[in-house]
Amino acid sequence: MDTLQLVLIGLLGIALMGGTVAFGLWLSRRGREDHNVRAQLINAAFSAVAARRGDTVISGEPYEHPMMGEFQGIDRVRGVRGALTFRMIYTQGGSDSPDVFSISVGPIGAPTGRLKKNARDLSPESRALVGEFVDLGHTICVEPESKENNRLVVTLDETRRDALEPEILTSLVERAVALAKALARS
């Protein structure tokens, strides 16, 4: 091989490496932009829900990545309905785990475990409310909150994009609170 061929091969290698790095950065920035758009939608929906009943919006902290830029924080909502508190949380998953959007209500004295709509140990009211959530594709379980109390957790079906509509979110929160109250009475 002569010197010209070696120089061309070297330049091609450098161009290939540079292109790979540039493409990786572009793809990462695009992922950040997608995250920020989704965060804005979630934050707007959470703010609208909180404004309806005077609930509290807890601002999510932004994250500054050294190469990709700023990732907008995702807010949370906390509210009180009588003796119960609820939280709406959106947790972004990683590359091997899905995003999780949940509503939790507590404290309740119900036993822990996943709730099914045909469970015989539930009251008819609780069964009907569980059935509504399950029919929409959501999962419901009771998880430990402390030694004395448990918490109802409704994990919303991530594929249902309509869940970000403030009216639907408000309805889901109120039904989750009603289910927690029904479970507490059972």
N, C-alpha and C. Protein backbone atom coordinates (compact mmCIF):
# COMPACT_ATOMS: atom_id res chain seq x y z
N MET A 1 0.84 -1.18 0.00
CA MET A 1 0.00 0.00 0.00
C MET A 1 0.88 1.24 0.00
N ASP A 2 0.43 2.18 -0.75
CA ASP A 2 1.20 3.42 -0.75
C ASP A 2 0.65 4.40 0.27
N THR A 3 1.31 5.49 0.45
CA THR A 3 0.98 6.47 1.48
C THR A 3 -0.40 7.08 1.25
N LEU A 4 -0.78 7.33 0.03
CA LEU A 4 -2.09 7.92 -0.26
C LEU A 4 -3.22 7.00 0.19
N GLN A 5 -3.06 5.73 -0.07
CA GLN A 5 -4.10 4.78 0.36
C GLN A 5 -4.20 4.73 1.88
N LEU A 6 -3.09 4.74 2.57
CA LEU A 6 -3.11 4.73 4.03
C LEU A 6 -3.77 5.99 4.59
N VAL A 7 -3.48 7.13 4.00
CA VAL A 7 -4.09 8.38 4.43
C VAL A 7 -5.60 8.33 4.21
N LEU A 8 -6.05 7.84 3.06
CA LEU A 8 -7.49 7.74 2.76
C LEU A 8 -8.18 6.79 3.72
N ILE A 9 -7.55 5.66 4.02
CA ILE A 9 -8.14 4.71 4.97
C ILE A 9 -8.21 5.34 6.36
N GLY A 10 -7.18 6.06 6.76
CA GLY A 10 -7.18 6.75 8.05
C GLY A 10 -8.27 7.80 8.12
N LEU A 11 -8.42 8.59 7.05
CA LEU A 11 -9.48 9.61 7.02
C LEU A 11 -10.87 8.97 7.04
N LEU A 12 -11.03 7.87 6.33
CA LEU A 12 -12.31 7.16 6.34
C LEU A 12 -12.63 6.65 7.74
N GLY A 13 -11.62 6.12 8.44
CA GLY A 13 -11.81 5.66 9.82
C GLY A 13 -12.21 6.78 10.75
N ILE A 14 -11.54 7.92 10.61
CA ILE A 14 -11.86 9.08 11.46
C ILE A 14 -13.27 9.57 11.16
N ALA A 15 -13.64 9.62 9.88
CA ALA A 15 -14.98 10.06 9.49
C ALA A 15 -16.04 9.10 10.03
N LEU A 16 -15.76 7.81 9.97
CA LEU A 16 -16.71 6.81 10.48
C LEU A 16 -16.89 6.95 11.99
N MET A 17 -15.79 7.12 12.71
CA MET A 17 -15.89 7.30 14.17
C MET A 17 -16.62 8.60 14.50
N GLY A 18 -16.29 9.67 13.81
CA GLY A 18 -16.96 10.95 14.05
C GLY A 18 -18.44 10.88 13.74
N GLY A 19 -18.78 10.21 12.66
CA GLY A 19 -20.19 10.04 12.31
C GLY A 19 -20.95 9.23 13.35
N THR A 20 -20.30 8.19 13.87
CA THR A 20 -20.93 7.37 14.90
C THR A 20 -21.18 8.19 16.17
N VAL A 21 -20.21 8.96 16.58
CA VAL A 21 -20.37 9.81 17.77
C VAL A 21 -21.45 10.86 17.54
N ALA A 22 -21.42 11.50 16.37
CA ALA A 22 -22.42 12.54 16.07
C ALA A 22 -23.82 11.94 16.04
N PHE A 23 -23.97 10.76 15.44
CA PHE A 23 -25.29 10.12 15.39
C PHE A 23 -25.76 9.76 16.80
N GLY A 24 -24.85 9.25 17.62
CA GLY A 24 -25.21 8.91 19.00
C GLY A 24 -25.67 10.13 19.78
N LEU A 25 -24.98 11.23 19.63
CA LEU A 25 -25.38 12.47 20.31
C LEU A 25 -26.72 12.98 19.79
N TRP A 26 -26.93 12.91 18.49
CA TRP A 26 -28.19 13.35 17.91
C TRP A 26 -29.35 12.50 18.44
N LEU A 27 -29.13 11.19 18.49
CA LEU A 27 -30.17 10.28 18.98
C LEU A 27 -30.46 10.55 20.46
N SER A 28 -29.43 10.79 21.24
CA SER A 28 -29.61 11.08 22.66
C SER A 28 -30.36 12.39 22.87
N ARG A 29 -30.01 13.40 22.10
CA ARG A 29 -30.70 14.69 22.22
C ARG A 29 -32.16 14.56 21.80
N ARG A 30 -32.41 13.75 20.81
CA ARG A 30 -33.80 13.53 20.38
C ARG A 30 -34.58 12.84 21.50
N GLY A 31 -33.95 11.88 22.17
CA GLY A 31 -34.59 11.23 23.31
C GLY A 31 -34.89 12.23 24.42
N ARG A 32 -33.96 13.16 24.65
CA ARG A 32 -34.18 14.21 25.65
C ARG A 32 -35.36 15.09 25.26
N GLU A 33 -35.42 15.46 23.98
CA GLU A 33 -36.53 16.30 23.52
C GLU A 33 -37.86 15.57 23.68
N ASP A 34 -37.90 14.28 23.35
CA ASP A 34 -39.12 13.49 23.54
C ASP A 34 -39.51 13.44 25.01
N HIS A 35 -38.52 13.25 25.88
CA HIS A 35 -38.78 13.24 27.33
C HIS A 35 -39.36 14.58 27.77
N ASN A 36 -38.76 15.68 27.31
CA ASN A 36 -39.22 17.00 27.75
C ASN A 36 -40.64 17.30 27.27
N VAL A 37 -40.98 16.87 26.06
CA VAL A 37 -42.35 17.06 25.57
C VAL A 37 -43.32 16.25 26.43
N ARG A 38 -42.97 15.00 26.72
CA ARG A 38 -43.83 14.15 27.56
C ARG A 38 -43.94 14.74 28.96
N ALA A 39 -42.84 15.24 29.51
CA ALA A 39 -42.88 15.85 30.84
C ALA A 39 -43.80 17.06 30.86
N GLN A 40 -43.77 17.88 29.82
CA GLN A 40 -44.66 19.05 29.75
C GLN A 40 -46.12 18.63 29.73
N LEU A 41 -46.44 17.57 28.98
CA LEU A 41 -47.83 17.08 28.92
C LEU A 41 -48.27 16.56 30.29
N ILE A 42 -47.42 15.78 30.92
CA ILE A 42 -47.75 15.22 32.23
C ILE A 42 -47.89 16.34 33.26
N ASN A 43 -46.96 17.28 33.28
CA ASN A 43 -47.01 18.37 34.24
C ASN A 43 -48.27 19.23 34.05
N ALA A 44 -48.65 19.48 32.80
CA ALA A 44 -49.86 20.25 32.53
C ALA A 44 -51.10 19.50 33.02
N ALA A 45 -51.15 18.20 32.77
CA ALA A 45 -52.29 17.40 33.22
C ALA A 45 -52.34 17.35 34.75
N PHE A 46 -51.20 17.15 35.39
CA PHE A 46 -51.16 17.10 36.85
C PHE A 46 -51.57 18.44 37.45
N SER A 47 -51.12 19.54 36.86
CA SER A 47 -51.49 20.87 37.36
C SER A 47 -52.99 21.11 37.23
N ALA A 48 -53.57 20.68 36.13
CA ALA A 48 -55.01 20.85 35.92
C ALA A 48 -55.80 20.05 36.94
N VAL A 49 -55.36 18.82 37.22
CA VAL A 49 -56.04 17.99 38.21
C VAL A 49 -55.93 18.63 39.59
N ALA A 50 -54.74 19.07 39.95
CA ALA A 50 -54.52 19.67 41.27
C ALA A 50 -55.35 20.94 41.46
N ALA A 51 -55.49 21.73 40.41
CA ALA A 51 -56.23 22.99 40.51
C ALA A 51 -57.71 22.77 40.77
N ARG A 52 -58.25 21.65 40.34
CA ARG A 52 -59.68 21.39 40.50
C ARG A 52 -60.11 21.25 41.95
N ARG A 53 -59.25 20.64 42.78
CA ARG A 53 -59.63 20.39 44.16
C ARG A 53 -58.66 20.99 45.17
N GLY A 54 -57.76 21.85 44.70
CA GLY A 54 -56.82 22.49 45.62
C GLY A 54 -55.72 21.56 46.12
N ASP A 55 -55.36 20.57 45.31
CA ASP A 55 -54.29 19.65 45.69
C ASP A 55 -52.94 20.30 45.46
N THR A 56 -51.89 19.68 45.94
CA THR A 56 -50.55 20.23 45.87
C THR A 56 -49.76 19.60 44.74
N VAL A 57 -49.13 20.44 43.94
CA VAL A 57 -48.22 19.98 42.90
C VAL A 57 -46.81 20.09 43.46
N ILE A 58 -46.10 18.97 43.43
CA ILE A 58 -44.71 18.95 43.89
C ILE A 58 -43.83 18.93 42.65
N SER A 59 -43.09 20.00 42.45
CA SER A 59 -42.30 20.15 41.23
C SER A 59 -41.19 19.12 41.15
N GLY A 60 -41.05 18.55 39.96
CA GLY A 60 -39.95 17.62 39.71
C GLY A 60 -38.67 18.39 39.44
N GLU A 61 -37.58 17.89 39.92
CA GLU A 61 -36.30 18.55 39.73
C GLU A 61 -35.75 18.24 38.34
N PRO A 62 -35.31 19.26 37.61
CA PRO A 62 -34.69 19.00 36.31
C PRO A 62 -33.32 18.36 36.49
N TYR A 63 -32.88 17.69 35.46
CA TYR A 63 -31.57 17.03 35.48
C TYR A 63 -30.76 17.55 34.31
N GLU A 64 -29.57 18.01 34.60
CA GLU A 64 -28.68 18.54 33.56
C GLU A 64 -27.65 17.47 33.21
N HIS A 65 -27.77 16.93 32.00
CA HIS A 65 -26.80 15.95 31.53
C HIS A 65 -25.66 16.70 30.85
N PRO A 66 -24.42 16.32 31.11
CA PRO A 66 -23.30 17.09 30.56
C PRO A 66 -23.24 17.15 29.04
N MET A 67 -23.75 16.12 28.35
CA MET A 67 -23.66 16.13 26.89
C MET A 67 -25.02 16.32 26.22
N MET A 68 -26.09 15.87 26.87
CA MET A 68 -27.40 15.91 26.22
C MET A 68 -28.24 17.12 26.60
N GLY A 69 -27.86 17.83 27.63
CA GLY A 69 -28.61 19.01 28.02
C GLY A 69 -29.56 18.73 29.17
N GLU A 70 -30.53 19.62 29.34
CA GLU A 70 -31.42 19.55 30.49
C GLU A 70 -32.65 18.68 30.22
N PHE A 71 -32.89 17.77 31.15
CA PHE A 71 -34.11 16.96 31.16
C PHE A 71 -35.08 17.61 32.13
N GLN A 72 -36.27 17.94 31.68
CA GLN A 72 -37.26 18.58 32.52
C GLN A 72 -37.73 17.60 33.59
N GLY A 73 -37.94 18.10 34.79
CA GLY A 73 -38.46 17.26 35.88
C GLY A 73 -39.94 16.98 35.70
N ILE A 74 -40.37 15.84 36.20
CA ILE A 74 -41.79 15.47 36.13
C ILE A 74 -42.40 15.70 37.50
N ASP A 75 -43.47 16.48 37.53
CA ASP A 75 -44.14 16.83 38.78
C ASP A 75 -44.87 15.62 39.37
N ARG A 76 -45.27 15.78 40.62
CA ARG A 76 -46.14 14.82 41.31
C ARG A 76 -47.28 15.61 41.92
N VAL A 77 -48.35 14.92 42.24
CA VAL A 77 -49.49 15.57 42.87
C VAL A 77 -49.79 14.85 44.18
N ARG A 78 -50.09 15.63 45.20
CA ARG A 78 -50.49 15.09 46.50
C ARG A 78 -51.76 15.79 46.94
N GLY A 79 -52.70 15.01 47.44
CA GLY A 79 -53.95 15.60 47.89
C GLY A 79 -54.52 14.84 49.07
N VAL A 80 -55.51 15.45 49.71
CA VAL A 80 -56.17 14.85 50.86
C VAL A 80 -57.65 14.77 50.58
N ARG A 81 -58.22 13.60 50.85
CA ARG A 81 -59.66 13.37 50.73
C ARG A 81 -60.12 12.75 52.04
N GLY A 82 -60.57 13.61 52.97
CA GLY A 82 -60.96 13.11 54.28
C GLY A 82 -59.74 12.61 55.03
N ALA A 83 -59.80 11.34 55.47
CA ALA A 83 -58.69 10.75 56.21
C ALA A 83 -57.63 10.15 55.29
N LEU A 84 -57.87 10.18 54.00
CA LEU A 84 -56.97 9.55 53.04
C LEU A 84 -56.13 10.59 52.30
N THR A 85 -54.90 10.22 51.99
CA THR A 85 -54.07 11.04 51.12
C THR A 85 -53.83 10.26 49.83
N PHE A 86 -53.70 10.98 48.74
CA PHE A 86 -53.38 10.32 47.48
C PHE A 86 -52.17 10.98 46.86
N ARG A 87 -51.49 10.22 46.03
CA ARG A 87 -50.34 10.73 45.28
C ARG A 87 -50.47 10.23 43.85
N MET A 88 -50.20 11.11 42.91
CA MET A 88 -50.08 10.73 41.50
C MET A 88 -48.62 10.88 41.14
N ILE A 89 -48.08 9.81 40.61
CA ILE A 89 -46.64 9.78 40.30
C ILE A 89 -46.43 9.18 38.93
N TYR A 90 -45.52 9.78 38.18
CA TYR A 90 -45.10 9.22 36.89
C TYR A 90 -43.61 8.94 37.02
N THR A 91 -43.23 7.69 36.86
CA THR A 91 -41.83 7.29 36.96
C THR A 91 -41.36 6.80 35.61
N GLN A 92 -40.34 7.43 35.10
CA GLN A 92 -39.82 7.03 33.79
C GLN A 92 -38.96 5.79 33.95
N GLY A 93 -39.26 4.78 33.13
CA GLY A 93 -38.50 3.54 33.16
C GLY A 93 -37.19 3.68 32.41
N GLY A 94 -36.42 2.64 32.47
CA GLY A 94 -35.15 2.62 31.77
C GLY A 94 -35.29 1.89 30.45
N SER A 95 -34.17 1.50 29.90
CA SER A 95 -34.19 0.82 28.61
C SER A 95 -34.83 -0.56 28.71
N ASP A 96 -34.79 -1.17 29.90
CA ASP A 96 -35.36 -2.51 30.06
C ASP A 96 -36.60 -2.53 30.95
N SER A 97 -37.14 -1.38 31.30
CA SER A 97 -38.35 -1.33 32.12
C SER A 97 -39.28 -0.25 31.60
N PRO A 98 -40.59 -0.49 31.70
CA PRO A 98 -41.55 0.48 31.18
C PRO A 98 -41.73 1.68 32.12
N ASP A 99 -42.30 2.74 31.58
CA ASP A 99 -42.68 3.88 32.40
C ASP A 99 -43.85 3.42 33.29
N VAL A 100 -43.94 3.99 34.48
CA VAL A 100 -45.01 3.63 35.41
C VAL A 100 -45.74 4.90 35.84
N PHE A 101 -47.04 4.88 35.66
CA PHE A 101 -47.90 5.99 36.03
C PHE A 101 -48.87 5.45 37.06
N SER A 102 -48.80 5.95 38.30
CA SER A 102 -49.61 5.36 39.35
C SER A 102 -50.30 6.40 40.21
N ILE A 103 -51.39 5.94 40.81
CA ILE A 103 -52.14 6.71 41.80
C ILE A 103 -52.15 5.85 43.05
N SER A 104 -51.69 6.39 44.16
CA SER A 104 -51.72 5.63 45.41
C SER A 104 -52.57 6.38 46.43
N VAL A 105 -53.31 5.61 47.23
CA VAL A 105 -54.22 6.18 48.21
C VAL A 105 -54.03 5.43 49.52
N GLY A 106 -53.94 6.15 50.62
CA GLY A 106 -53.81 5.47 51.90
C GLY A 106 -53.95 6.47 53.04
N PRO A 107 -53.85 6.06 54.24
CA PRO A 107 -53.65 4.67 54.64
C PRO A 107 -54.96 3.90 54.67
N ILE A 108 -54.87 2.62 54.38
CA ILE A 108 -56.05 1.74 54.48
C ILE A 108 -55.64 0.49 55.25
N GLY A 109 -56.60 -0.18 55.83
CA GLY A 109 -56.32 -1.37 56.62
C GLY A 109 -56.54 -2.66 55.87
N ALA A 110 -56.64 -2.61 54.56
CA ALA A 110 -56.90 -3.82 53.77
C ALA A 110 -55.65 -4.68 53.68
N PRO A 111 -55.82 -6.00 53.51
CA PRO A 111 -54.66 -6.87 53.36
C PRO A 111 -53.92 -6.62 52.05
N THR A 112 -52.62 -6.90 52.04
CA THR A 112 -51.81 -6.65 50.85
C THR A 112 -52.07 -7.70 49.77
N GLY A 113 -51.74 -7.30 48.55
CA GLY A 113 -51.86 -8.22 47.41
C GLY A 113 -52.56 -7.55 46.24
N ARG A 114 -52.52 -8.24 45.12
CA ARG A 114 -53.16 -7.74 43.90
C ARG A 114 -54.66 -7.97 43.98
N LEU A 115 -55.43 -6.98 43.55
CA LEU A 115 -56.89 -7.09 43.59
C LEU A 115 -57.42 -7.54 42.24
N LYS A 116 -58.34 -8.48 42.26
CA LYS A 116 -58.97 -8.97 41.03
C LYS A 116 -60.45 -8.70 41.11
N LYS A 117 -61.05 -8.45 39.95
CA LYS A 117 -62.45 -8.01 39.96
C LYS A 117 -63.42 -9.09 40.40
N ASN A 118 -63.04 -10.34 40.38
CA ASN A 118 -63.95 -11.41 40.81
C ASN A 118 -63.61 -11.97 42.18
N ALA A 119 -62.79 -11.26 42.95
CA ALA A 119 -62.39 -11.75 44.27
C ALA A 119 -63.61 -11.84 45.18
N ARG A 120 -63.79 -12.98 45.79
CA ARG A 120 -64.95 -13.21 46.65
C ARG A 120 -64.85 -12.49 48.00
N ASP A 121 -63.63 -12.16 48.40
CA ASP A 121 -63.47 -11.51 49.70
C ASP A 121 -63.71 -10.00 49.65
N LEU A 122 -64.02 -9.46 48.47
CA LEU A 122 -64.32 -8.03 48.33
C LEU A 122 -65.81 -7.79 48.44
N SER A 123 -66.18 -6.62 48.94
CA SER A 123 -67.58 -6.24 48.98
C SER A 123 -68.05 -5.99 47.54
N PRO A 124 -69.35 -6.03 47.29
CA PRO A 124 -69.85 -5.76 45.94
C PRO A 124 -69.40 -4.39 45.41
N GLU A 125 -69.38 -3.38 46.28
CA GLU A 125 -68.93 -2.05 45.88
C GLU A 125 -67.46 -2.07 45.45
N SER A 126 -66.63 -2.74 46.26
CA SER A 126 -65.20 -2.85 45.94
C SER A 126 -64.99 -3.63 44.65
N ARG A 127 -65.73 -4.74 44.48
CA ARG A 127 -65.61 -5.54 43.26
C ARG A 127 -65.95 -4.72 42.03
N ALA A 128 -67.00 -3.92 42.12
CA ALA A 128 -67.42 -3.09 40.98
C ALA A 128 -66.33 -2.06 40.63
N LEU A 129 -65.77 -1.41 41.64
CA LEU A 129 -64.72 -0.42 41.39
C LEU A 129 -63.45 -1.07 40.85
N VAL A 130 -63.07 -2.22 41.41
CA VAL A 130 -61.91 -2.95 40.90
C VAL A 130 -62.16 -3.33 39.44
N GLY A 131 -63.38 -3.80 39.15
CA GLY A 131 -63.74 -4.18 37.79
C GLY A 131 -63.59 -3.03 36.81
N GLU A 132 -63.98 -1.82 37.22
CA GLU A 132 -63.83 -0.65 36.34
C GLU A 132 -62.37 -0.42 35.97
N PHE A 133 -61.49 -0.50 36.97
CA PHE A 133 -60.06 -0.29 36.71
C PHE A 133 -59.49 -1.41 35.83
N VAL A 134 -59.82 -2.64 36.15
CA VAL A 134 -59.30 -3.79 35.39
C VAL A 134 -59.80 -3.75 33.95
N ASP A 135 -61.06 -3.40 33.76
CA ASP A 135 -61.62 -3.32 32.40
C ASP A 135 -60.93 -2.26 31.56
N LEU A 136 -60.37 -1.25 32.20
CA LEU A 136 -59.62 -0.21 31.48
C LEU A 136 -58.15 -0.60 31.26
N GLY A 137 -57.76 -1.77 31.77
CA GLY A 137 -56.40 -2.24 31.58
C GLY A 137 -55.44 -1.87 32.70
N HIS A 138 -55.95 -1.29 33.77
CA HIS A 138 -55.11 -0.88 34.89
C HIS A 138 -54.95 -2.04 35.88
N THR A 139 -53.89 -2.02 36.66
CA THR A 139 -53.71 -3.02 37.71
C THR A 139 -53.86 -2.35 39.07
N ILE A 140 -54.40 -3.12 40.02
CA ILE A 140 -54.65 -2.59 41.35
C ILE A 140 -54.07 -3.54 42.37
N CYS A 141 -53.37 -2.99 43.35
CA CYS A 141 -52.88 -3.82 44.44
C CYS A 141 -52.83 -2.99 45.71
N VAL A 142 -52.72 -3.68 46.81
CA VAL A 142 -52.54 -3.04 48.11
C VAL A 142 -51.13 -3.38 48.56
N GLU A 143 -50.34 -2.34 48.83
CA GLU A 143 -48.94 -2.51 49.21
C GLU A 143 -48.73 -1.98 50.62
N PRO A 144 -47.74 -2.51 51.30
CA PRO A 144 -47.44 -1.99 52.65
C PRO A 144 -46.97 -0.54 52.61
N GLU A 145 -47.47 0.26 53.54
CA GLU A 145 -47.02 1.65 53.66
C GLU A 145 -46.18 1.81 54.93
N SER A 146 -46.64 1.18 55.98
CA SER A 146 -45.92 1.19 57.26
C SER A 146 -46.27 -0.11 57.96
N LYS A 147 -45.81 -0.28 59.19
CA LYS A 147 -46.14 -1.51 59.92
C LYS A 147 -47.64 -1.64 60.17
N GLU A 148 -48.31 -0.52 60.35
CA GLU A 148 -49.73 -0.53 60.69
C GLU A 148 -50.65 -0.39 59.50
N ASN A 149 -50.21 0.27 58.46
CA ASN A 149 -51.10 0.63 57.37
C ASN A 149 -50.58 0.18 56.01
N ASN A 150 -51.53 0.05 55.11
CA ASN A 150 -51.22 -0.27 53.72
C ASN A 150 -51.72 0.84 52.83
N ARG A 151 -51.40 0.74 51.57
CA ARG A 151 -51.74 1.78 50.60
C ARG A 151 -52.25 1.12 49.33
N LEU A 152 -53.37 1.62 48.80
CA LEU A 152 -53.91 1.15 47.53
C LEU A 152 -53.09 1.79 46.41
N VAL A 153 -52.64 0.99 45.46
CA VAL A 153 -51.86 1.52 44.33
C VAL A 153 -52.53 1.08 43.03
N VAL A 154 -52.91 2.05 42.23
CA VAL A 154 -53.47 1.79 40.90
C VAL A 154 -52.39 2.16 39.90
N THR A 155 -51.93 1.17 39.14
CA THR A 155 -50.94 1.42 38.10
C THR A 155 -51.67 1.51 36.79
N LEU A 156 -51.59 2.66 36.16
CA LEU A 156 -52.35 2.91 34.95
C LEU A 156 -51.69 2.27 33.74
N ASP A 157 -52.52 1.82 32.83
CA ASP A 157 -52.05 1.20 31.59
C ASP A 157 -51.33 2.26 30.77
N GLU A 158 -50.03 2.06 30.55
CA GLU A 158 -49.20 3.04 29.86
C GLU A 158 -49.63 3.26 28.42
N THR A 159 -50.28 2.29 27.82
CA THR A 159 -50.66 2.44 26.42
C THR A 159 -51.86 3.35 26.24
N ARG A 160 -52.56 3.65 27.32
CA ARG A 160 -53.75 4.52 27.23
C ARG A 160 -53.32 5.98 27.34
N ARG A 161 -53.11 6.60 26.22
CA ARG A 161 -52.67 8.00 26.20
C ARG A 161 -53.78 8.94 26.69
N ASP A 162 -55.04 8.50 26.65
CA ASP A 162 -56.12 9.35 27.11
C ASP A 162 -56.07 9.55 28.63
N ALA A 163 -55.26 8.75 29.32
CA ALA A 163 -55.17 8.90 30.77
C ALA A 163 -54.57 10.25 31.17
N LEU A 164 -53.93 10.94 30.23
CA LEU A 164 -53.36 12.26 30.55
C LEU A 164 -54.37 13.39 30.42
N GLU A 165 -55.58 13.08 30.03
CA GLU A 165 -56.63 14.09 29.98
C GLU A 165 -57.02 14.44 31.42
N PRO A 166 -57.05 15.72 31.78
CA PRO A 166 -57.35 16.10 33.18
C PRO A 166 -58.68 15.53 33.69
N GLU A 167 -59.71 15.49 32.84
CA GLU A 167 -61.00 14.96 33.29
C GLU A 167 -60.89 13.49 33.63
N ILE A 168 -60.17 12.74 32.79
CA ILE A 168 -60.00 11.31 33.04
C ILE A 168 -59.14 11.08 34.27
N LEU A 169 -58.06 11.84 34.41
CA LEU A 169 -57.20 11.70 35.59
C LEU A 169 -57.97 12.01 36.87
N THR A 170 -58.75 13.08 36.84
CA THR A 170 -59.55 13.44 38.01
C THR A 170 -60.51 12.32 38.36
N SER A 171 -61.16 11.76 37.37
CA SER A 171 -62.09 10.65 37.59
C SER A 171 -61.36 9.44 38.17
N LEU A 172 -60.17 9.14 37.65
CA LEU A 172 -59.40 8.00 38.16
C LEU A 172 -59.00 8.21 39.62
N VAL A 173 -58.60 9.43 39.95
CA VAL A 173 -58.24 9.73 41.35
C VAL A 173 -59.45 9.54 42.25
N GLU A 174 -60.58 10.10 41.85
CA GLU A 174 -61.78 10.00 42.70
C GLU A 174 -62.24 8.55 42.84
N ARG A 175 -62.14 7.76 41.76
CA ARG A 175 -62.52 6.34 41.86
C ARG A 175 -61.52 5.56 42.71
N ALA A 176 -60.24 5.92 42.64
CA ALA A 176 -59.24 5.26 43.49
C ALA A 176 -59.52 5.57 44.97
N VAL A 177 -59.88 6.81 45.27
CA VAL A 177 -60.22 7.19 46.64
C VAL A 177 -61.47 6.44 47.09
N ALA A 178 -62.48 6.36 46.21
CA ALA A 178 -63.71 5.62 46.54
C ALA A 178 -63.40 4.15 46.80
N LEU A 179 -62.53 3.57 46.00
CA LEU A 179 -62.14 2.16 46.22
C LEU A 179 -61.41 1.99 47.55
N ALA A 180 -60.51 2.92 47.87
CA ALA A 180 -59.80 2.83 49.15
C ALA A 180 -60.78 2.92 50.31
N LYS A 181 -61.76 3.80 50.20
CA LYS A 181 -62.78 3.91 51.26
C LYS A 181 -63.60 2.63 51.36
N ALA A 182 -63.97 2.07 50.21
CA ALA A 182 -64.75 0.83 50.21
C ALA A 182 -63.94 -0.33 50.80
N LEU A 183 -62.66 -0.39 50.48
CA LEU A 183 -61.81 -1.44 51.05
C LEU A 183 -61.67 -1.27 52.56
N ALA A 184 -61.59 -0.02 53.01
CA ALA A 184 -61.46 0.25 54.44
C ALA A 184 -62.72 -0.18 55.19
N ARG A 185 -63.88 -0.09 54.53
CA ARG A 185 -65.15 -0.49 55.16
C ARG A 185 -65.32 -2.01 55.15
N SER A 186 -64.65 -2.69 54.23
CA SER A 186 -64.84 -4.15 54.10
C SER A 186 -64.29 -4.92 55.27
